[in-house]
C-alpha atoms as a PDB file:
ATOM      1  CA  MET A   1     -59.743  28.408  14.558  1.00  0.00           C
ATOM      2  CA  GLY A   2     -59.612  31.615  12.597  1.00  0.00           C
ATOM      3  CA  ALA A   3     -62.248  30.633  10.052  1.00  0.00           C
ATOM      4  CA  SER A   4     -62.980  33.274   7.433  1.00  0.00           C
ATOM      5  CA  LEU A   5     -65.906  33.845   5.101  1.00  0.00           C
ATOM      6  CA  LYS A   6     -63.493  35.300   2.539  1.00  0.00           C
ATOM      7  CA  SER A   7     -62.922  32.731  -0.204  1.00  0.00           C
ATOM      8  CA  ASN A   8     -59.323  33.870  -0.774  1.00  0.00           C
ATOM      9  CA  ARG A   9     -58.269  33.017   2.810  1.00  0.00           C
ATOM     10  CA  TYR A  10     -56.455  29.777   3.559  1.00  0.00           C
ATOM     11  CA  SER A  11     -58.760  29.053   6.494  1.00  0.00           C
ATOM     12  CA  ASN A  12     -61.732  29.157   4.117  1.00  0.00           C
ATOM     13  CA  LEU A  13     -60.010  26.846   1.660  1.00  0.00           C
ATOM     14  CA  ALA A  14     -59.076  24.492   4.510  1.00  0.00           C
ATOM     15  CA  ILE A  15     -62.733  24.139   5.518  1.00  0.00           C
ATOM     16  CA  HIS A  16     -63.675  23.237   1.945  1.00  0.00           C
ATOM     17  CA  ARG A  17     -60.863  20.696   1.670  1.00  0.00           C
ATOM     18  CA  LEU A  18     -61.532  19.141   5.092  1.00  0.00           C
ATOM     19  CA  VAL A  19     -65.193  18.679   4.127  1.00  0.00           C
ATOM     20  CA  ASN A  20     -64.148  17.198   0.760  1.00  0.00           C
ATOM     21  CA  HIS A  21     -61.875  14.770   2.623  1.00  0.00           C
ATOM     22  CA  LYS A  22     -64.883  13.638   4.699  1.00  0.00           C
ATOM     23  CA  GLN A  23     -63.533  15.114   7.952  1.00  0.00           C
ATOM     24  CA  ASN A  24     -65.970  16.213  10.644  1.00  0.00           C
ATOM     25  CA  VAL A  25     -65.466  19.961  10.888  1.00  0.00           C
ATOM     26  CA  VAL A  26     -66.408  22.666  13.350  1.00  0.00           C
ATOM     27  CA  ALA A  27     -65.271  26.213  12.692  1.00  0.00           C
ATOM     28  CA  PHE A  28     -64.597  29.195  14.922  1.00  0.00           C
ATOM     29  CA  GLY A  29     -64.157  32.734  13.660  1.00  0.00           C
ATOM     30  CA  LEU A  30     -64.928  36.357  14.391  1.00  0.00           C
ATOM     31  CA  ARG A  31     -67.897  36.589  12.003  1.00  0.00           C
ATOM     32  CA  GLU A  32     -70.910  34.313  11.768  1.00  0.00           C
ATOM     33  CA  GLY A  33     -71.574  32.657   8.479  1.00  0.00           C
ATOM     34  CA  GLU A  34     -71.253  29.389   6.649  1.00  0.00           C
ATOM     35  CA  VAL A  35     -68.504  27.827   4.562  1.00  0.00           C
ATOM     36  CA  SER A  36     -69.054  24.587   2.658  1.00  0.00           C
ATOM     37  CA  GLY A  37     -72.110  23.834   4.787  1.00  0.00           C
ATOM     38  CA  ILE A  38     -70.195  24.410   8.050  1.00  0.00           C
ATOM     39  CA  LYS A  39     -71.470  27.110  10.396  1.00  0.00           C
ATOM     40  CA  ILE A  40     -68.759  29.432  11.686  1.00  0.00           C
ATOM     41  CA  GLU A  41     -69.233  29.704  15.434  1.00  0.00           C
ATOM     42  CA  THR A  42     -68.357  32.960  17.170  1.00  0.00           C
ATOM     43  CA  ASP A  43     -68.900  31.693  20.721  1.00  0.00           C
ATOM     44  CA  LEU A  44     -66.455  29.445  22.566  1.00  0.00           C
ATOM     45  CA  ILE A  45     -68.430  26.220  22.613  1.00  0.00           C
ATOM     46  CA  ASP A  46     -67.351  23.217  24.690  1.00  0.00           C
ATOM     47  CA  PHE A  47     -67.105  20.766  21.805  1.00  0.00           C
ATOM     48  CA  ASP A  48     -66.574  17.067  22.557  1.00  0.00           C
ATOM     49  CA  ASP A  49     -64.197  14.742  20.734  1.00  0.00           C
ATOM     50  CA  ILE A  50     -62.022  17.344  18.999  1.00  0.00           C
ATOM     51  CA  ASP A  51     -59.098  15.481  17.429  1.00  0.00           C
ATOM     52  CA  THR A  52     -57.289  18.351  15.728  1.00  0.00           C
ATOM     53  CA  ILE A  53     -57.332  22.124  15.973  1.00  0.00           C
ATOM     54  CA  THR A  54     -55.868  23.842  12.937  1.00  0.00           C
ATOM     55  CA  LEU A  55     -54.874  27.414  13.689  1.00  0.00           C
ATOM     56  CA  TYR A  56     -55.220  30.382  11.347  1.00  0.00           C
ATOM     57  CA  LEU A  57     -54.667  33.020  14.048  1.00  0.00           C
ATOM     58  CA  ASN A  58     -51.400  34.888  14.465  1.00  0.00           C
ATOM     59  CA  PRO A  59     -49.621  34.391  17.815  1.00  0.00           C
ATOM     60  CA  ALA A  60     -50.851  37.680  19.291  1.00  0.00           C
ATOM     61  CA  ARG A  61     -54.480  36.695  18.608  1.00  0.00           C
ATOM     62  CA  GLN A  62     -53.972  33.150  19.941  1.00  0.00           C
ATOM     63  CA  LYS A  63     -53.158  34.332  23.458  1.00  0.00           C
ATOM     64  CA  GLN A  64     -56.783  34.934  24.432  1.00  0.00           C
ATOM     65  CA  TYR A  65     -57.678  31.370  23.398  1.00  0.00           C
ATOM     66  CA  TYR A  66     -54.925  29.390  25.200  1.00  0.00           C
ATOM     67  CA  GLU A  67     -57.215  28.121  27.966  1.00  0.00           C
ATOM     68  CA  TYR A  68     -60.003  27.341  25.516  1.00  0.00           C
ATOM     69  CA  ILE A  69     -57.714  25.357  23.216  1.00  0.00           C
ATOM     70  CA  VAL A  70     -56.380  23.302  26.123  1.00  0.00           C
ATOM     71  CA  SER A  71     -59.910  22.788  27.514  1.00  0.00           C
ATOM     72  CA  LEU A  72     -60.963  21.106  24.251  1.00  0.00           C
ATOM     73  CA  ASN A  73     -58.240  18.505  24.855  1.00  0.00           C
ATOM     74  CA  PRO A  74     -57.417  17.863  21.200  1.00  0.00           C
ATOM     75  CA  ARG A  75     -54.890  15.205  20.219  1.00  0.00           C
ATOM     76  CA  ARG A  76     -52.952  17.843  18.254  1.00  0.00           C
ATOM     77  CA  VAL A  77     -52.862  21.476  17.224  1.00  0.00           C
ATOM     78  CA  ILE A  78     -51.618  22.320  13.741  1.00  0.00           C
ATOM     79  CA  PHE A  79     -49.762  25.625  13.499  1.00  0.00           C
ATOM     80  CA  ASN A  80     -50.172  26.757   9.901  1.00  0.00           C
ATOM     81  CA  PRO A  81     -47.607  29.142   8.350  1.00  0.00           C
ATOM     82  CA  GLY A  82     -47.637  32.439  10.218  1.00  0.00           C
ATOM     83  CA  THR A  83     -49.149  30.956  13.382  1.00  0.00           C
ATOM     84  CA  GLU A  84     -45.987  29.497  14.904  1.00  0.00           C
ATOM     85  CA  ASN A  85     -45.962  30.146  18.668  1.00  0.00           C
ATOM     86  CA  PRO A  86     -43.348  28.605  21.024  1.00  0.00           C
ATOM     87  CA  GLU A  87     -45.237  29.886  24.074  1.00  0.00           C
ATOM     88  CA  LEU A  88     -48.335  27.904  23.074  1.00  0.00           C
ATOM     89  CA  TYR A  89     -46.199  24.865  22.129  1.00  0.00           C
ATOM     90  CA  ASP A  90     -44.991  24.750  25.743  1.00  0.00           C
ATOM     91  CA  ILE A  91     -48.505  25.080  27.145  1.00  0.00           C
ATOM     92  CA  LEU A  92     -49.711  22.271  24.893  1.00  0.00           C
ATOM     93  CA  LYS A  93     -46.773  20.037  25.786  1.00  0.00           C
ATOM     94  CA  ARG A  94     -47.571  20.403  29.508  1.00  0.00           C
ATOM     95  CA  SER A  95     -51.113  19.258  28.669  1.00  0.00           C
ATOM     96  CA  THR A  96     -49.832  16.310  26.561  1.00  0.00           C
ATOM     97  CA  ILE A  97     -51.231  17.841  23.381  1.00  0.00           C
ATOM     98  CA  GLU A  98     -49.107  17.526  20.243  1.00  0.00           C
ATOM     99  CA  ALA A  99     -48.032  20.768  18.540  1.00  0.00           C
ATOM    100  CA  GLU A 100     -47.464  20.247  14.824  1.00  0.00           C
ATOM    101  CA  VAL A 101     -45.956  22.993  12.675  1.00  0.00           C
ATOM    102  CA  ALA A 102     -47.356  22.243   9.240  1.00  0.00           C
ATOM    103  CA  CYS A 103     -49.774  23.395   6.587  1.00  0.00           C
ATOM    104  CA  THR A 104     -53.208  21.790   6.779  1.00  0.00           C
ATOM    105  CA  LEU A 105     -53.682  22.195   3.024  1.00  0.00           C
ATOM    106  CA  VAL A 106     -50.403  20.430   2.263  1.00  0.00           C
ATOM    107  CA  LEU A 107     -51.163  17.652   4.753  1.00  0.00           C
ATOM    108  CA  LEU A 108     -54.515  17.065   3.079  1.00  0.00           C
ATOM    109  CA  SER A 109     -53.122  17.160  -0.459  1.00  0.00           C
ATOM    110  CA  THR A 110     -50.385  14.634   0.388  1.00  0.00           C
ATOM    111  CA  ASN A 111     -52.658  12.313   2.400  1.00  0.00           C
ATOM    112  CA  GLN A 112     -50.707  13.014   5.607  1.00  0.00           C
ATOM    113  CA  TYR A 113     -53.525  14.706   7.520  1.00  0.00           C
END
């Protein structure tokens, strides 16, 4: 969540790396487009079988998506640097969703994703 068409953004790089690591990827952002063959959705779609949400939205922007994130019932949500949000951690915990404070790019590069 927080996908960007701008190639210098970490969310953009994460999409490329997730695709290169053979992960199934869906992307959500504010602007339609495509990154590494993945369409950036701008509507809140009820996706099935979401394992991990990796956040690239600051805490103030996350607030409007709390219910949506929980409704997707992911196994975990990765809070990348700058996205740390104790309020959302608590919401996730109550829904038995793991909150992981980490960097998706580092996890991928060290085979810990």
